[in-house]
Amino acid sequence: WPSVFSGKAVIGNRVTPSHRDRLGRPAWYDLLFSCGTDQDCKLDLPDIGASVRYHPGDACFIAGNALQHEVKDWKGGDRLAYAHYHRFLVAERMGI
């Protein structure tokens, strides 16, 4: 389906180690969407000392290049998440 994002990742039943998305730009936002049947999942943002609810049906925009982010663990059920992001080289190639 059409999207304003140049990339997408599907994350299933795994911990996401702390990282920054190096192939984007600090001012560009990524969309993270949680679905599945998991419970008590948190999206941690260590750079700003925040931990936010990340349950099925929750979505958040973060500057993934600027902020370190991770999901350490969850309780019960299956974790499924979609990460929608931009890649600088794709935008550059398209003249955007």
PDB file of N, CA and C in Angstrom:
ATOM      1  N   TRP A   1       0.836  -1.179   0.000  1.00  0.00           N
ATOM      2  CA  TRP A   1       0.000   0.000   0.000  1.00  0.00           C
ATOM      3  C   TRP A   1       0.880   1.241   0.000  1.00  0.00           C
ATOM      4  N   PRO A   2       0.366   2.360  -0.446  1.00  0.00           N
ATOM      5  CA  PRO A   2       1.171   3.591  -0.504  1.00  0.00           C
ATOM      6  C   PRO A   2       1.580   4.053   0.900  1.00  0.00           C
ATOM      7  N   SER A   3       2.755   4.640   0.972  1.00  0.00           N
ATOM      8  CA  SER A   3       3.264   5.106   2.261  1.00  0.00           C
ATOM      9  C   SER A   3       4.202   6.285   2.043  1.00  0.00           C
ATOM     10  N   VAL A   4       4.261   7.177   3.005  1.00  0.00           N
ATOM     11  CA  VAL A   4       5.219   8.278   2.948  1.00  0.00           C
ATOM     12  C   VAL A   4       6.596   7.820   3.417  1.00  0.00           C
ATOM     13  N   PHE A   5       6.686   6.624   3.974  1.00  0.00           N
ATOM     14  CA  PHE A   5       7.948   6.089   4.474  1.00  0.00           C
ATOM     15  C   PHE A   5       8.651   5.290   3.388  1.00  0.00           C
ATOM     16  N   SER A   6       9.980   5.273   3.418  1.00  0.00           N
ATOM     17  CA  SER A   6      10.729   4.556   2.386  1.00  0.00           C
ATOM     18  C   SER A   6      11.107   3.138   2.813  1.00  0.00           C
ATOM     19  N   GLY A   7      10.845   2.775   4.055  1.00  0.00           N
ATOM     20  CA  GLY A   7      11.162   1.439   4.515  1.00  0.00           C
ATOM     21  C   GLY A   7      10.219   0.978   5.607  1.00  0.00           C
ATOM     22  N   LYS A   8      10.189  -0.325   5.791  1.00  0.00           N
ATOM     23  CA  LYS A   8       9.321  -0.914   6.808  1.00  0.00           C
ATOM     24  C   LYS A   8      10.007  -2.172   7.334  1.00  0.00           C
ATOM     25  N   ALA A   9       9.897  -2.401   8.640  1.00  0.00           N
ATOM     26  CA  ALA A   9      10.400  -3.628   9.251  1.00  0.00           C
ATOM     27  C   ALA A   9       9.287  -4.239  10.083  1.00  0.00           C
ATOM     28  N   VAL A  10       9.227  -5.555  10.077  1.00  0.00           N
ATOM     29  CA  VAL A  10       8.275  -6.286  10.903  1.00  0.00           C
ATOM     30  C   VAL A  10       9.088  -7.014  11.970  1.00  0.00           C
ATOM     31  N   ILE A  11       8.719  -6.798  13.230  1.00  0.00           N
ATOM     32  CA  ILE A  11       9.453  -7.367  14.353  1.00  0.00           C
ATOM     33  C   ILE A  11       8.518  -8.318  15.083  1.00  0.00           C
ATOM     34  N   GLY A  12       8.892  -9.578  15.150  1.00  0.00           N
ATOM     35  CA  GLY A  12       8.033 -10.569  15.783  1.00  0.00           C
ATOM     36  C   GLY A  12       8.731 -11.302  16.910  1.00  0.00           C
ATOM     37  N   ASN A  13       8.153 -11.243  18.092  1.00  0.00           N
ATOM     38  CA  ASN A  13       8.602 -12.017  19.257  1.00  0.00           C
ATOM     39  C   ASN A  13      10.103 -11.919  19.517  1.00  0.00           C
ATOM     40  N   ARG A  14      10.611 -10.699  19.491  1.00  0.00           N
ATOM     41  CA  ARG A  14      12.014 -10.550  19.846  1.00  0.00           C
ATOM     42  C   ARG A  14      12.251  -9.248  20.584  1.00  0.00           C
ATOM     43  N   VAL A  15      13.270  -9.265  21.409  1.00  0.00           N
ATOM     44  CA  VAL A  15      13.744  -8.075  22.102  1.00  0.00           C
ATOM     45  C   VAL A  15      14.427  -7.199  21.062  1.00  0.00           C
ATOM     46  N   THR A  16      14.269  -5.898  21.193  1.00  0.00           N
ATOM     47  CA  THR A  16      14.949  -4.963  20.294  1.00  0.00           C
ATOM     48  C   THR A  16      16.043  -4.270  21.102  1.00  0.00           C
ATOM     49  N   PRO A  17      17.317  -4.592  20.842  1.00  0.00           N
ATOM     50  CA  PRO A  17      18.405  -3.985  21.613  1.00  0.00           C
ATOM     51  C   PRO A  17      18.444  -2.468  21.434  1.00  0.00           C
ATOM     52  N   SER A  18      19.029  -1.807  22.406  1.00  0.00           N
ATOM     53  CA  SER A  18      19.156  -0.356  22.355  1.00  0.00           C
ATOM     54  C   SER A  18      19.955   0.068  21.118  1.00  0.00           C
ATOM     55  N   HIS A  19      19.401   1.012  20.360  1.00  0.00           N
ATOM     56  CA  HIS A  19      20.062   1.449  19.129  1.00  0.00           C
ATOM     57  C   HIS A  19      19.526   2.805  18.673  1.00  0.00           C
ATOM     58  N   ARG A  20      20.236   3.397  17.740  1.00  0.00           N
ATOM     59  CA  ARG A  20      19.776   4.561  16.973  1.00  0.00           C
ATOM     60  C   ARG A  20      19.725   4.132  15.514  1.00  0.00           C
ATOM     61  N   ASP A  21      18.800   4.680  14.776  1.00  0.00           N
ATOM     62  CA  ASP A  21      18.670   4.340  13.354  1.00  0.00           C
ATOM     63  C   ASP A  21      19.587   5.257  12.557  1.00  0.00           C
ATOM     64  N   ARG A  22      20.764   4.803  12.265  1.00  0.00           N
ATOM     65  CA  ARG A  22      21.827   5.616  11.671  1.00  0.00           C
ATOM     66  C   ARG A  22      21.585   6.022  10.219  1.00  0.00           C
ATOM     67  N   LEU A  23      20.693   5.365   9.526  1.00  0.00           N
ATOM     68  CA  LEU A  23      20.516   5.666   8.108  1.00  0.00           C
ATOM     69  C   LEU A  23      19.444   6.703   7.824  1.00  0.00           C
ATOM     70  N   GLY A  24      18.863   7.265   8.863  1.00  0.00           N
ATOM     71  CA  GLY A  24      17.889   8.344   8.702  1.00  0.00           C
ATOM     72  C   GLY A  24      18.539   9.681   9.002  1.00  0.00           C
ATOM     73  N   ARG A  25      17.760  10.647   9.378  1.00  0.00           N
ATOM     74  CA  ARG A  25      18.239  11.975   9.755  1.00  0.00           C
ATOM     75  C   ARG A  25      17.618  12.358  11.099  1.00  0.00           C
ATOM     76  N   PRO A  26      18.324  13.141  11.909  1.00  0.00           N
ATOM     77  CA  PRO A  26      17.812  13.488  13.249  1.00  0.00           C
ATOM     78  C   PRO A  26      16.426  14.127  13.240  1.00  0.00           C
ATOM     79  N   ALA A  27      16.098  14.904  12.236  1.00  0.00           N
ATOM     80  CA  ALA A  27      14.802  15.600  12.209  1.00  0.00           C
ATOM     81  C   ALA A  27      13.672  14.739  11.637  1.00  0.00           C
ATOM     82  N   TRP A  28      13.987  13.560  11.138  1.00  0.00           N
ATOM     83  CA  TRP A  28      12.965  12.693  10.548  1.00  0.00           C
ATOM     84  C   TRP A  28      12.395  11.764  11.608  1.00  0.00           C
ATOM     85  N   TYR A  29      11.088  11.606  11.576  1.00  0.00           N
ATOM     86  CA  TYR A  29      10.412  10.760  12.550  1.00  0.00           C
ATOM     87  C   TYR A  29      10.089   9.393  11.963  1.00  0.00           C
ATOM     88  N   ASP A  30      10.208   8.379  12.801  1.00  0.00           N
ATOM     89  CA  ASP A  30       9.815   7.014  12.459  1.00  0.00           C
ATOM     90  C   ASP A  30       8.502   6.709  13.170  1.00  0.00           C
ATOM     91  N   LEU A  31       7.688   5.877  12.550  1.00  0.00           N
ATOM     92  CA  LEU A  31       6.426   5.453  13.161  1.00  0.00           C
ATOM     93  C   LEU A  31       6.587   4.019  13.650  1.00  0.00           C
ATOM     94  N   LEU A  32       6.366   3.821  14.933  1.00  0.00           N
ATOM     95  CA  LEU A  32       6.398   2.487  15.523  1.00  0.00           C
ATOM     96  C   LEU A  32       4.980   2.113  15.922  1.00  0.00           C
ATOM     97  N   PHE A  33       4.539   0.940  15.482  1.00  0.00           N
ATOM     98  CA  PHE A  33       3.179   0.493  15.760  1.00  0.00           C
ATOM     99  C   PHE A  33       3.228  -0.902  16.358  1.00  0.00           C
ATOM    100  N   SER A  34       2.603  -1.066  17.514  1.00  0.00           N
ATOM    101  CA  SER A  34       2.592  -2.347  18.210  1.00  0.00           C
ATOM    102  C   SER A  34       1.255  -3.051  17.988  1.00  0.00           C
ATOM    103  N   CYS A  35       1.334  -4.340  17.696  1.00  0.00           N
ATOM    104  CA  CYS A  35       0.123  -5.157  17.613  1.00  0.00           C
ATOM    105  C   CYS A  35       0.493  -6.545  18.123  1.00  0.00           C
ATOM    106  N   GLY A  36      -0.430  -7.426  18.187  1.00  0.00           N
ATOM    107  CA  GLY A  36      -0.171  -8.752  18.733  1.00  0.00           C
ATOM    108  C   GLY A  36      -1.018  -8.983  19.966  1.00  0.00           C
ATOM    109  N   THR A  37      -0.557  -9.875  20.834  1.00  0.00           N
ATOM    110  CA  THR A  37      -1.305 -10.214  22.047  1.00  0.00           C
ATOM    111  C   THR A  37      -0.457 -10.022  23.300  1.00  0.00           C
ATOM    112  N   ASP A  38       0.706  -9.384  23.167  1.00  0.00           N
ATOM    113  CA  ASP A  38       1.598  -9.198  24.307  1.00  0.00           C
ATOM    114  C   ASP A  38       0.997  -8.263  25.347  1.00  0.00           C
ATOM    115  N   GLN A  39       1.574  -8.296  26.531  1.00  0.00           N
ATOM    116  CA  GLN A  39       1.125  -7.444  27.639  1.00  0.00           C
ATOM    117  C   GLN A  39       2.335  -6.828  28.319  1.00  0.00           C
ATOM    118  N   ASP A  40       2.107  -5.701  28.941  1.00  0.00           N
ATOM    119  CA  ASP A  40       3.121  -5.037  29.765  1.00  0.00           C
ATOM    120  C   ASP A  40       4.435  -4.798  29.030  1.00  0.00           C
ATOM    121  N   CYS A  41       4.349  -4.334  27.804  1.00  0.00           N
ATOM    122  CA  CYS A  41       5.535  -4.015  27.015  1.00  0.00           C
ATOM    123  C   CYS A  41       5.836  -2.520  27.164  1.00  0.00           C
ATOM    124  N   LYS A  42       7.109  -2.182  27.215  1.00  0.00           N
ATOM    125  CA  LYS A  42       7.544  -0.790  27.331  1.00  0.00           C
ATOM    126  C   LYS A  42       8.538  -0.473  26.226  1.00  0.00           C
ATOM    127  N   LEU A  43       8.441   0.732  25.697  1.00  0.00           N
ATOM    128  CA  LEU A  43       9.431   1.272  24.774  1.00  0.00           C
ATOM    129  C   LEU A  43      10.314   2.189  25.610  1.00  0.00           C
ATOM    130  N   ASP A  44      11.580   1.821  25.753  1.00  0.00           N
ATOM    131  CA  ASP A  44      12.505   2.608  26.561  1.00  0.00           C
ATOM    132  C   ASP A  44      13.288   3.576  25.680  1.00  0.00           C
ATOM    133  N   LEU A  45      13.431   4.799  26.180  1.00  0.00           N
ATOM    134  CA  LEU A  45      14.195   5.858  25.509  1.00  0.00           C
ATOM    135  C   LEU A  45      15.269   6.329  26.488  1.00  0.00           C
ATOM    136  N   PRO A  46      16.398   5.603  26.563  1.00  0.00           N
ATOM    137  CA  PRO A  46      17.419   5.880  27.574  1.00  0.00           C
ATOM    138  C   PRO A  46      17.999   7.300  27.526  1.00  0.00           C
ATOM    139  N   ASP A  47      18.103   7.891  26.353  1.00  0.00           N
ATOM    140  CA  ASP A  47      18.685   9.240  26.233  1.00  0.00           C
ATOM    141  C   ASP A  47      17.926  10.275  27.048  1.00  0.00           C
ATOM    142  N   ILE A  48      16.634  10.081  27.184  1.00  0.00           N
ATOM    143  CA  ILE A  48      15.829  11.062  27.929  1.00  0.00           C
ATOM    144  C   ILE A  48      15.245  10.457  29.210  1.00  0.00           C
ATOM    145  N   GLY A  49      15.682   9.244  29.545  1.00  0.00           N
ATOM    146  CA  GLY A  49      15.245   8.606  30.777  1.00  0.00           C
ATOM    147  C   GLY A  49      13.764   8.283  30.811  1.00  0.00           C
ATOM    148  N   ALA A  50      13.200   7.940  29.654  1.00  0.00           N
ATOM    149  CA  ALA A  50      11.762   7.678  29.586  1.00  0.00           C
ATOM    150  C   ALA A  50      11.494   6.212  29.249  1.00  0.00           C
ATOM    151  N   SER A  51      10.386   5.726  29.756  1.00  0.00           N
ATOM    152  CA  SER A  51       9.877   4.405  29.433  1.00  0.00           C
ATOM    153  C   SER A  51       8.375   4.569  29.221  1.00  0.00           C
ATOM    154  N   VAL A  52       7.900   4.282  28.015  1.00  0.00           N
ATOM    155  CA  VAL A  52       6.495   4.524  27.696  1.00  0.00           C
ATOM    156  C   VAL A  52       5.781   3.213  27.387  1.00  0.00           C
ATOM    157  N   ARG A  53       4.507   3.197  27.675  1.00  0.00           N
ATOM    158  CA  ARG A  53       3.653   2.046  27.381  1.00  0.00           C
ATOM    159  C   ARG A  53       3.727   1.754  25.883  1.00  0.00           C
ATOM    160  N   TYR A  54       3.826   0.467  25.544  1.00  0.00           N
ATOM    161  CA  TYR A  54       3.911   0.051  24.137  1.00  0.00           C
ATOM    162  C   TYR A  54       3.112  -1.237  23.981  1.00  0.00           C
ATOM    163  N   HIS A  55       1.800  -1.104  24.137  1.00  0.00           N
ATOM    164  CA  HIS A  55       0.884  -2.243  24.091  1.00  0.00           C
ATOM    165  C   HIS A  55       0.279  -2.392  22.692  1.00  0.00           C
ATOM    166  N   PRO A  56      -0.327  -3.545  22.398  1.00  0.00           N
ATOM    167  CA  PRO A  56      -0.995  -3.708  21.102  1.00  0.00           C
ATOM    168  C   PRO A  56      -1.993  -2.571  20.851  1.00  0.00           C
ATOM    169  N   GLY A  57      -1.895  -1.978  19.668  1.00  0.00           N
ATOM    170  CA  GLY A  57      -2.746  -0.852  19.296  1.00  0.00           C
ATOM    171  C   GLY A  57      -2.089   0.497  19.520  1.00  0.00           C
ATOM    172  N   ASP A  58      -0.968   0.528  20.232  1.00  0.00           N
ATOM    173  CA  ASP A  58      -0.259   1.782  20.469  1.00  0.00           C
ATOM    174  C   ASP A  58       0.652   2.112  19.290  1.00  0.00           C
ATOM    175  N   ALA A  59       0.747   3.378  18.998  1.00  0.00           N
ATOM    176  CA  ALA A  59       1.648   3.866  17.948  1.00  0.00           C
ATOM    177  C   ALA A  59       2.387   5.078  18.489  1.00  0.00           C
ATOM    178  N   CYS A  60       3.616   5.241  18.063  1.00  0.00           N
ATOM    179  CA  CYS A  60       4.353   6.430  18.476  1.00  0.00           C
ATOM    180  C   CYS A  60       5.314   6.848  17.374  1.00  0.00           C
ATOM    181  N   PHE A  61       5.546   8.126  17.327  1.00  0.00           N
ATOM    182  CA  PHE A  61       6.535   8.698  16.419  1.00  0.00           C
ATOM    183  C   PHE A  61       7.755   9.064  17.252  1.00  0.00           C
ATOM    184  N   ILE A  62       8.927   8.623  16.822  1.00  0.00           N
ATOM    185  CA  ILE A  62      10.157   9.031  17.493  1.00  0.00           C
ATOM    186  C   ILE A  62      11.193   9.412  16.436  1.00  0.00           C
ATOM    187  N   ALA A  63      12.107  10.269  16.821  1.00  0.00           N
ATOM    188  CA  ALA A  63      13.252  10.588  15.965  1.00  0.00           C
ATOM    189  C   ALA A  63      14.281   9.484  16.205  1.00  0.00           C
ATOM    190  N   GLY A  64      14.149   8.402  15.473  1.00  0.00           N
ATOM    191  CA  GLY A  64      14.943   7.198  15.706  1.00  0.00           C
ATOM    192  C   GLY A  64      16.432   7.381  15.482  1.00  0.00           C
ATOM    193  N   ASN A  65      16.816   8.379  14.702  1.00  0.00           N
ATOM    194  CA  ASN A  65      18.231   8.662  14.496  1.00  0.00           C
ATOM    195  C   ASN A  65      18.799   9.440  15.679  1.00  0.00           C
ATOM    196  N   ALA A  66      17.978  10.260  16.301  1.00  0.00           N
ATOM    197  CA  ALA A  66      18.435  11.114  17.393  1.00  0.00           C
ATOM    198  C   ALA A  66      18.311  10.448  18.755  1.00  0.00           C
ATOM    199  N   LEU A  67      17.302   9.595  18.941  1.00  0.00           N
ATOM    200  CA  LEU A  67      17.044   8.993  20.249  1.00  0.00           C
ATOM    201  C   LEU A  67      17.340   7.499  20.252  1.00  0.00           C
ATOM    202  N   GLN A  68      18.110   7.081  21.228  1.00  0.00           N
ATOM    203  CA  GLN A  68      18.322   5.665  21.439  1.00  0.00           C
ATOM    204  C   GLN A  68      16.994   5.065  21.907  1.00  0.00           C
ATOM    205  N   HIS A  69      16.646   3.877  21.405  1.00  0.00           N
ATOM    206  CA  HIS A  69      15.385   3.243  21.782  1.00  0.00           C
ATOM    207  C   HIS A  69      15.540   1.725  21.823  1.00  0.00           C
ATOM    208  N   GLU A  70      14.673   1.095  22.642  1.00  0.00           N
ATOM    209  CA  GLU A  70      14.763  -0.357  22.816  1.00  0.00           C
ATOM    210  C   GLU A  70      13.472  -0.905  23.415  1.00  0.00           C
ATOM    211  N   VAL A  71      13.256  -2.194  23.211  1.00  0.00           N
ATOM    212  CA  VAL A  71      12.213  -2.946  23.913  1.00  0.00           C
ATOM    213  C   VAL A  71      12.932  -4.126  24.545  1.00  0.00           C
ATOM    214  N   LYS A  72      12.941  -4.139  25.887  1.00  0.00           N
ATOM    215  CA  LYS A  72      13.706  -5.163  26.609  1.00  0.00           C
ATOM    216  C   LYS A  72      12.947  -6.471  26.759  1.00  0.00           C
ATOM    217  N   ASP A  73      11.676  -6.378  27.119  1.00  0.00           N
ATOM    218  CA  ASP A  73      10.925  -7.591  27.416  1.00  0.00           C
ATOM    219  C   ASP A  73       9.438  -7.265  27.444  1.00  0.00           C
ATOM    220  N   TRP A  74       8.624  -8.278  27.485  1.00  0.00           N
ATOM    221  CA  TRP A  74       7.182  -8.132  27.621  1.00  0.00           C
ATOM    222  C   TRP A  74       6.669  -9.376  28.326  1.00  0.00           C
ATOM    223  N   LYS A  75       5.420  -9.326  28.747  1.00  0.00           N
ATOM    224  CA  LYS A  75       4.822 -10.471  29.444  1.00  0.00           C
ATOM    225  C   LYS A  75       3.696 -11.039  28.609  1.00  0.00           C
ATOM    226  N   GLY A  76       3.659 -12.333  28.504  1.00  0.00           N
ATOM    227  CA  GLY A  76       2.554 -13.044  27.870  1.00  0.00           C
ATOM    228  C   GLY A  76       2.317 -12.687  26.422  1.00  0.00           C
ATOM    229  N   GLY A  77       1.820 -13.614  25.687  1.00  0.00           N
ATOM    230  CA  GLY A  77       1.394 -13.384  24.315  1.00  0.00           C
ATOM    231  C   GLY A  77       2.533 -13.171  23.330  1.00  0.00           C
ATOM    232  N   ASP A  78       2.129 -12.917  22.109  1.00  0.00           N
ATOM    233  CA  ASP A  78       3.067 -12.691  21.017  1.00  0.00           C
ATOM    234  C   ASP A  78       3.233 -11.202  20.764  1.00  0.00           C
ATOM    235  N   ARG A  79       4.471 -10.778  20.626  1.00  0.00           N
ATOM    236  CA  ARG A  79       4.768  -9.381  20.314  1.00  0.00           C
ATOM    237  C   ARG A  79       4.955  -9.249  18.813  1.00  0.00           C
ATOM    238  N   LEU A  80       4.256  -8.295  18.232  1.00  0.00           N
ATOM    239  CA  LEU A  80       4.403  -7.979  16.818  1.00  0.00           C
ATOM    240  C   LEU A  80       4.432  -6.470  16.698  1.00  0.00           C
ATOM    241  N   ALA A  81       5.413  -5.961  15.981  1.00  0.00           N
ATOM    242  CA  ALA A  81       5.533  -4.513  15.808  1.00  0.00           C
ATOM    243  C   ALA A  81       5.933  -4.201  14.371  1.00  0.00           C
ATOM    244  N   TYR A  82       5.472  -3.062  13.898  1.00  0.00           N
ATOM    245  CA  TYR A  82       5.863  -2.549  12.586  1.00  0.00           C
ATOM    246  C   TYR A  82       6.634  -1.258  12.807  1.00  0.00           C
ATOM    247  N   ALA A  83       7.779  -1.155  12.180  1.00  0.00           N
ATOM    248  CA  ALA A  83       8.565   0.078  12.226  1.00  0.00           C
ATOM    249  C   ALA A  83       8.574   0.664  10.811  1.00  0.00           C
ATOM    250  N   HIS A  84       8.058   1.850  10.680  1.00  0.00           N
ATOM    251  CA  HIS A  84       8.050   2.565   9.398  1.00  0.00           C
ATOM    252  C   HIS A  84       9.101   3.667   9.502  1.00  0.00           C
ATOM    253  N   TYR A  85       9.972   3.777   8.521  1.00  0.00           N
ATOM    254  CA  TYR A  85      11.090   4.706   8.633  1.00  0.00           C
ATOM    255  C   TYR A  85      11.467   5.278   7.269  1.00  0.00           C
ATOM    256  N   HIS A  86      12.323   6.279   7.320  1.00  0.00           N
ATOM    257  CA  HIS A  86      12.865   6.915   6.110  1.00  0.00           C
ATOM    258  C   HIS A  86      14.347   6.591   6.008  1.00  0.00           C
ATOM    259  N   ARG A  87      14.832   6.439   4.816  1.00  0.00           N
ATOM    260  CA  ARG A  87      16.261   6.253   4.561  1.00  0.00           C
ATOM    261  C   ARG A  87      16.752   7.446   3.746  1.00  0.00           C
ATOM    262  N   PHE A  88      17.800   8.084   4.238  1.00  0.00           N
ATOM    263  CA  PHE A  88      18.339   9.268   3.583  1.00  0.00           C
ATOM    264  C   PHE A  88      18.721   8.998   2.129  1.00  0.00           C
ATOM    265  N   LEU A  89      19.386   7.875   1.864  1.00  0.00           N
ATOM    266  CA  LEU A  89      19.852   7.599   0.505  1.00  0.00           C
ATOM    267  C   LEU A  89      18.699   7.418  -0.483  1.00  0.00           C
ATOM    268  N   VAL A  90      17.581   6.891  -0.019  1.00  0.00           N
ATOM    269  CA  VAL A  90      16.408   6.763  -0.896  1.00  0.00           C
ATOM    270  C   VAL A  90      15.871   8.155  -1.232  1.00  0.00           C
ATOM    271  N   ALA A  91      15.763   9.010  -0.223  1.00  0.00           N
ATOM    272  CA  ALA A  91      15.289  10.373  -0.459  1.00  0.00           C
ATOM    273  C   ALA A  91      16.239  11.125  -1.384  1.00  0.00           C
ATOM    274  N   GLU A  92      17.518  10.956  -1.156  1.00  0.00           N
ATOM    275  CA  GLU A  92      18.509  11.628  -2.005  1.00  0.00           C
ATOM    276  C   GLU A  92      18.408  11.156  -3.454  1.00  0.00           C
ATOM    277  N   ARG A  93      18.284   9.861  -3.644  1.00  0.00           N
ATOM    278  CA  ARG A  93      18.187   9.288  -4.991  1.00  0.00           C
ATOM    279  C   ARG A  93      16.917   9.770  -5.715  1.00  0.00           C
ATOM    280  N   MET A  94      15.840   9.946  -4.957  1.00  0.00           N
ATOM    281  CA  MET A  94      14.576  10.397  -5.535  1.00  0.00           C
ATOM    282  C   MET A  94      14.510  11.923  -5.686  1.00  0.00           C
ATOM    283  N   GLY A  95      15.534  12.617  -5.206  1.00  0.00           N
ATOM    284  CA  GLY A  95      15.564  14.068  -5.321  1.00  0.00           C
ATOM    285  C   GLY A  95      14.623  14.768  -4.358  1.00  0.00           C
ATOM    286  N   ILE A  96      14.380  14.138  -3.219  1.00  0.00           N
ATOM    287  CA  ILE A  96      13.461  14.704  -2.225  1.00  0.00           C
ATOM    288  C   ILE A  96      14.256  15.473  -1.186  1.00  0.00           C
TER     289      ILE A  96
END
